[in-house]
C-alpha atoms as a PDB file:
ATOM      1  CA  MET A   1       7.972 -35.370 -58.463  1.00  0.00           C
ATOM      2  CA  SER A   2       4.462 -34.512 -58.817  1.00  0.00           C
ATOM      3  CA  ASN A   3       3.004 -31.078 -59.118  1.00  0.00           C
ATOM      4  CA  ARG A   4       0.377 -31.524 -56.460  1.00  0.00           C
ATOM      5  CA  LEU A   5      -0.233 -28.851 -53.937  1.00  0.00           C
ATOM      6  CA  VAL A   6       0.572 -29.951 -50.480  1.00  0.00           C
ATOM      7  CA  LYS A   7      -1.972 -28.946 -47.871  1.00  0.00           C
ATOM      8  CA  GLN A   8      -0.597 -27.221 -44.856  1.00  0.00           C
ATOM      9  CA  LEU A   9      -1.601 -28.897 -41.516  1.00  0.00           C
ATOM     10  CA  GLY A  10      -1.700 -27.102 -38.154  1.00  0.00           C
ATOM     11  CA  ALA A  11      -2.220 -23.488 -37.106  1.00  0.00           C
ATOM     12  CA  THR A  12      -0.407 -20.358 -38.115  1.00  0.00           C
ATOM     13  CA  MET A  13       1.429 -18.140 -35.727  1.00  0.00           C
ATOM     14  CA  VAL A  14      -1.248 -15.471 -35.793  1.00  0.00           C
ATOM     15  CA  GLU A  15      -3.961 -18.087 -34.940  1.00  0.00           C
ATOM     16  CA  LEU A  16      -1.919 -19.335 -32.002  1.00  0.00           C
ATOM     17  CA  ILE A  17      -1.348 -15.811 -30.599  1.00  0.00           C
ATOM     18  CA  LEU A  18      -5.011 -14.914 -30.987  1.00  0.00           C
ATOM     19  CA  THR A  19      -6.095 -17.999 -29.212  1.00  0.00           C
ATOM     20  CA  ILE A  20      -3.757 -17.320 -26.310  1.00  0.00           C
ATOM     21  CA  VAL A  21      -5.011 -13.746 -25.949  1.00  0.00           C
ATOM     22  CA  ILE A  22      -8.723 -14.890 -25.936  1.00  0.00           C
ATOM     23  CA  ILE A  23      -8.012 -17.583 -23.361  1.00  0.00           C
ATOM     24  CA  SER A  24      -6.028 -15.101 -21.178  1.00  0.00           C
ATOM     25  CA  VAL A  25      -8.851 -12.557 -21.153  1.00  0.00           C
ATOM     26  CA  ALA A  26     -11.404 -15.276 -20.315  1.00  0.00           C
ATOM     27  CA  LEU A  27      -9.089 -16.626 -17.488  1.00  0.00           C
ATOM     28  CA  ILE A  28      -8.652 -13.104 -16.003  1.00  0.00           C
ATOM     29  CA  GLY A  29     -12.434 -12.670 -15.829  1.00  0.00           C
ATOM     30  CA  ILE A  30     -12.968 -16.007 -14.117  1.00  0.00           C
ATOM     31  CA  LEU A  31     -10.139 -15.552 -11.618  1.00  0.00           C
ATOM     32  CA  SER A  32     -11.361 -12.059 -10.647  1.00  0.00           C
ATOM     33  CA  VAL A  33     -14.800 -13.558  -9.814  1.00  0.00           C
ATOM     34  CA  VAL A  34     -13.184 -16.334  -7.794  1.00  0.00           C
ATOM     35  CA  ASN A  35     -11.034 -13.700  -6.012  1.00  0.00           C
ATOM     36  CA  LEU A  36     -14.096 -11.623  -5.130  1.00  0.00           C
ATOM     37  CA  THR A  37     -16.082 -14.643  -3.943  1.00  0.00           C
ATOM     38  CA  THR A  38     -13.168 -15.893  -1.767  1.00  0.00           C
ATOM     39  CA  GLY A  39     -12.696 -12.431  -0.241  1.00  0.00           C
ATOM     40  CA  HIS A  40     -16.234 -12.305   0.931  1.00  0.00           C
ATOM     41  CA  SER A  41     -16.743 -15.904   1.835  1.00  0.00           C
ATOM     42  CA  ALA A  42     -16.649 -15.225   5.528  1.00  0.00           C
ATOM     43  CA  ASP A  43     -19.304 -12.502   5.495  1.00  0.00           C
ATOM     44  CA  PRO A  44     -22.199 -14.792   6.155  1.00  0.00           C
ATOM     45  CA  LEU A  45     -20.368 -16.236   9.148  1.00  0.00           C
ATOM     46  CA  VAL A  46     -19.665 -12.756  10.516  1.00  0.00           C
ATOM     47  CA  GLN A  47     -23.305 -11.725   9.977  1.00  0.00           C
ATOM     48  CA  GLN A  48     -24.678 -14.880  11.653  1.00  0.00           C
ATOM     49  CA  GLN A  49     -22.368 -14.276  14.673  1.00  0.00           C
ATOM     50  CA  ALA A  50     -23.628 -10.661  14.863  1.00  0.00           C
ATOM     51  CA  ILE A  51     -27.211 -11.872  14.898  1.00  0.00           C
ATOM     52  CA  ALA A  52     -26.418 -14.299  17.710  1.00  0.00           C
ATOM     53  CA  ILE A  53     -24.746 -11.494  19.704  1.00  0.00           C
ATOM     54  CA  ALA A  54     -27.662  -9.187  19.166  1.00  0.00           C
ATOM     55  CA  GLU A  55     -30.251 -11.814  20.183  1.00  0.00           C
ATOM     56  CA  SER A  56     -28.177 -12.701  23.308  1.00  0.00           C
ATOM     57  CA  TYR A  57     -28.117  -8.997  24.448  1.00  0.00           C
ATOM     58  CA  LEU A  58     -31.849  -8.681  23.572  1.00  0.00           C
ATOM     59  CA  GLU A  59     -32.752 -11.796  25.618  1.00  0.00           C
ATOM     60  CA  GLU A  60     -30.702 -10.494  28.566  1.00  0.00           C
ATOM     61  CA  ILE A  61     -32.317  -7.111  28.494  1.00  0.00           C
ATOM     62  CA  LEU A  62     -35.945  -8.319  27.990  1.00  0.00           C
ATOM     63  CA  ALA A  63     -35.554 -10.619  31.009  1.00  0.00           C
ATOM     64  CA  GLN A  64     -35.150  -7.548  33.284  1.00  0.00           C
ATOM     65  CA  SER A  65     -37.898  -5.683  35.051  1.00  0.00           C
ATOM     66  CA  TYR A  66     -39.813  -2.928  33.215  1.00  0.00           C
ATOM     67  CA  SER A  67     -39.095  -0.359  35.948  1.00  0.00           C
ATOM     68  CA  ASP A  68     -36.296  -0.114  38.494  1.00  0.00           C
ATOM     69  CA  PRO A  69     -37.290  -2.258  41.487  1.00  0.00           C
ATOM     70  CA  ASP A  70     -34.922  -0.566  43.964  1.00  0.00           C
ATOM     71  CA  GLY A  71     -35.285   2.941  42.625  1.00  0.00           C
ATOM     72  CA  SER A  72     -31.550   3.582  42.377  1.00  0.00           C
ATOM     73  CA  GLU A  73     -29.247   3.766  39.332  1.00  0.00           C
ATOM     74  CA  ILE A  74     -26.183   4.671  41.340  1.00  0.00           C
ATOM     75  CA  GLY A  75     -23.061   2.516  40.951  1.00  0.00           C
ATOM     76  CA  GLU A  76     -24.676  -0.140  38.725  1.00  0.00           C
ATOM     77  CA  THR A  77     -22.614  -2.115  36.251  1.00  0.00           C
ATOM     78  CA  ARG A  78     -23.983  -4.502  33.736  1.00  0.00           C
ATOM     79  CA  ALA A  79     -23.743  -7.359  36.227  1.00  0.00           C
ATOM     80  CA  SER A  80     -26.099  -5.448  38.620  1.00  0.00           C
ATOM     81  CA  PHE A  81     -28.497  -3.926  36.008  1.00  0.00           C
ATOM     82  CA  ASP A  82     -31.957  -4.616  37.276  1.00  0.00           C
ATOM     83  CA  ASP A  83     -34.271  -2.944  34.707  1.00  0.00           C
ATOM     84  CA  VAL A  84     -34.466  -2.394  31.001  1.00  0.00           C
ATOM     85  CA  ASP A  85     -33.537   1.363  31.169  1.00  0.00           C
ATOM     86  CA  ASP A  86     -30.204   0.494  32.660  1.00  0.00           C
ATOM     87  CA  TYR A  87     -28.974  -0.827  29.300  1.00  0.00           C
ATOM     88  CA  ASP A  88     -29.687   2.432  27.415  1.00  0.00           C
ATOM     89  CA  ALA A  89     -26.499   3.608  25.732  1.00  0.00           C
ATOM     90  CA  LEU A  90     -24.438   0.838  27.275  1.00  0.00           C
ATOM     91  CA  SER A  91     -20.757   1.686  26.782  1.00  0.00           C
ATOM     92  CA  ASN A  92     -17.686  -0.436  26.175  1.00  0.00           C
ATOM     93  CA  ASN A  93     -19.950  -3.465  25.342  1.00  0.00           C
ATOM     94  CA  GLY A  94     -20.484  -3.774  29.051  1.00  0.00           C
ATOM     95  CA  CYS A  95     -16.790  -4.605  29.766  1.00  0.00           C
ATOM     96  CA  ILE A  96     -15.161  -3.846  33.061  1.00  0.00           C
ATOM     97  CA  THR A  97     -12.005  -5.904  32.538  1.00  0.00           C
ATOM     98  CA  THR A  98      -9.594  -6.495  29.665  1.00  0.00           C
ATOM     99  CA  SER A  99      -7.623  -9.451  28.373  1.00  0.00           C
ATOM    100  CA  ALA A 100      -4.611 -10.136  26.134  1.00  0.00           C
ATOM    101  CA  SER A 101      -6.851 -10.510  23.071  1.00  0.00           C
ATOM    102  CA  CYS A 102      -8.999  -7.493  24.138  1.00  0.00           C
ATOM    103  CA  PRO A 103      -6.509  -4.952  25.580  1.00  0.00           C
ATOM    104  CA  ALA A 104      -8.856  -2.036  25.591  1.00  0.00           C
ATOM    105  CA  LEU A 105     -12.368  -1.684  26.963  1.00  0.00           C
ATOM    106  CA  GLY A 106     -14.874  -2.146  24.120  1.00  0.00           C
ATOM    107  CA  ASP A 107     -12.597  -4.258  21.889  1.00  0.00           C
ATOM    108  CA  CYS A 108     -14.622  -7.376  22.537  1.00  0.00           C
ATOM    109  CA  ILE A 109     -18.159  -8.318  23.382  1.00  0.00           C
ATOM    110  CA  CYS A 110     -18.376  -9.072  27.129  1.00  0.00           C
ATOM    111  CA  ASP A 111     -20.421 -11.390  29.182  1.00  0.00           C
ATOM    112  CA  ARG A 112     -22.816 -10.182  31.812  1.00  0.00           C
ATOM    113  CA  ALA A 113     -20.091 -10.256  34.476  1.00  0.00           C
ATOM    114  CA  GLY A 114     -18.083  -7.696  32.318  1.00  0.00           C
ATOM    115  CA  ASP A 115     -15.364 -10.128  31.290  1.00  0.00           C
ATOM    116  CA  PRO A 116     -14.369  -9.977  27.572  1.00  0.00           C
ATOM    117  CA  ILE A 117     -15.111 -12.933  25.245  1.00  0.00           C
ATOM    118  CA  ASP A 118     -11.805 -13.115  23.352  1.00  0.00           C
ATOM    119  CA  SER A 119     -13.241 -14.842  20.299  1.00  0.00           C
ATOM    120  CA  LEU A 120     -15.638 -11.935  19.692  1.00  0.00           C
ATOM    121  CA  ASN A 121     -12.879  -9.397  19.193  1.00  0.00           C
ATOM    122  CA  GLY A 122     -13.921  -6.520  16.859  1.00  0.00           C
ATOM    123  CA  TYR A 123     -17.636  -6.532  17.340  1.00  0.00           C
ATOM    124  CA  THR A 124     -19.324  -3.493  18.847  1.00  0.00           C
ATOM    125  CA  VAL A 125     -22.793  -3.255  20.370  1.00  0.00           C
ATOM    126  CA  THR A 126     -24.986  -0.161  20.437  1.00  0.00           C
ATOM    127  CA  ILE A 127     -28.167  -0.253  22.565  1.00  0.00           C
ATOM    128  CA  ALA A 128     -30.940   2.338  22.466  1.00  0.00           C
ATOM    129  CA  ILE A 129     -34.041   2.139  24.737  1.00  0.00           C
ATOM    130  CA  THR A 130     -37.026   4.204  23.660  1.00  0.00           C
ATOM    131  CA  THR A 131     -40.572   4.434  25.110  1.00  0.00           C
ATOM    132  CA  PRO A 132     -43.210   4.434  22.401  1.00  0.00           C
ATOM    133  CA  THR A 133     -46.928   4.410  23.143  1.00  0.00           C
ATOM    134  CA  ILE A 134     -48.846   1.820  21.129  1.00  0.00           C
ATOM    135  CA  SER A 135     -52.575   1.468  21.509  1.00  0.00           C
ATOM    136  CA  ALA A 136     -52.608   3.416  24.810  1.00  0.00           C
ATOM    137  CA  SER A 137     -49.935   1.070  26.216  1.00  0.00           C
ATOM    138  CA  THR A 138     -46.502   2.383  27.095  1.00  0.00           C
ATOM    139  CA  LEU A 139     -43.750  -0.079  25.997  1.00  0.00           C
ATOM    140  CA  GLN A 140     -40.005  -0.052  26.123  1.00  0.00           C
ATOM    141  CA  ALA A 141     -38.493  -0.598  22.669  1.00  0.00           C
ATOM    142  CA  VAL A 142     -34.999  -2.176  22.857  1.00  0.00           C
ATOM    143  CA  ASN A 143     -32.931  -1.652  19.687  1.00  0.00           C
ATOM    144  CA  ILE A 144     -29.618  -3.407  19.491  1.00  0.00           C
ATOM    145  CA  THR A 145     -27.114  -2.824  16.618  1.00  0.00           C
ATOM    146  CA  VAL A 146     -24.105  -5.045  16.233  1.00  0.00           C
ATOM    147  CA  SER A 147     -21.205  -3.867  14.010  1.00  0.00           C
ATOM    148  CA  ARG A 148     -17.970  -5.353  12.834  1.00  0.00           C
ATOM    149  CA  GLY A 149     -15.695  -3.635  10.410  1.00  0.00           C
ATOM    150  CA  SER A 150     -16.851  -3.264   6.913  1.00  0.00           C
ATOM    151  CA  THR A 151     -19.633  -5.798   7.086  1.00  0.00           C
ATOM    152  CA  GLN A 152     -23.329  -4.790   7.220  1.00  0.00           C
ATOM    153  CA  ASP A 153     -24.665  -3.721  10.664  1.00  0.00           C
ATOM    154  CA  ILE A 154     -27.205  -6.108  12.205  1.00  0.00           C
ATOM    155  CA  SER A 155     -30.117  -4.599  14.129  1.00  0.00           C
ATOM    156  CA  VAL A 156     -32.766  -6.341  16.162  1.00  0.00           C
ATOM    157  CA  THR A 157     -35.635  -4.761  18.155  1.00  0.00           C
ATOM    158  CA  GLY A 158     -37.656  -6.159  21.021  1.00  0.00           C
ATOM    159  CA  TYR A 159     -40.449  -4.663  23.216  1.00  0.00           C
ATOM    160  CA  ARG A 160     -40.966  -4.923  26.949  1.00  0.00           C
ATOM    161  CA  ALA A 161     -44.334  -4.151  28.334  1.00  0.00           C
ATOM    162  CA  ASP A 162     -45.226  -3.408  31.938  1.00  0.00           C
ATOM    163  CA  TYR A 163     -47.477  -6.256  32.866  1.00  0.00           C
END
């Protein structure tokens, strides 16, 4: 036999354990980012839906008369609103009926007739009408805020002039 030194090939146990620990820490970091991203992946869809709801309410309100044409506010529901002021502090999202998906008034967004739209469960609408004076003209400012759970509220504002 020869007295040559035999070189050791491969990795030691310490090197293997250290490699496993480093890969595990990196993998935990990557998976936590993936988890966070997946958890919030629907937020843009919810916000886009909230924008569409707010714009729909704004369009409906701004199509109404600046002042009350019949001079009476008695017994009006959303279906019979005839001027912008009628929408101020609209409650229950304008609902007058319920459904299986929306068992309580205000659980869903409703159409103009007061019937709930089941697929819009969980959204709430807040409407505020103010009357600012801009350049000696009195306007009605319509501010609509749409909320849903923990996502950011969406607000849109439109103005109605008496022309």
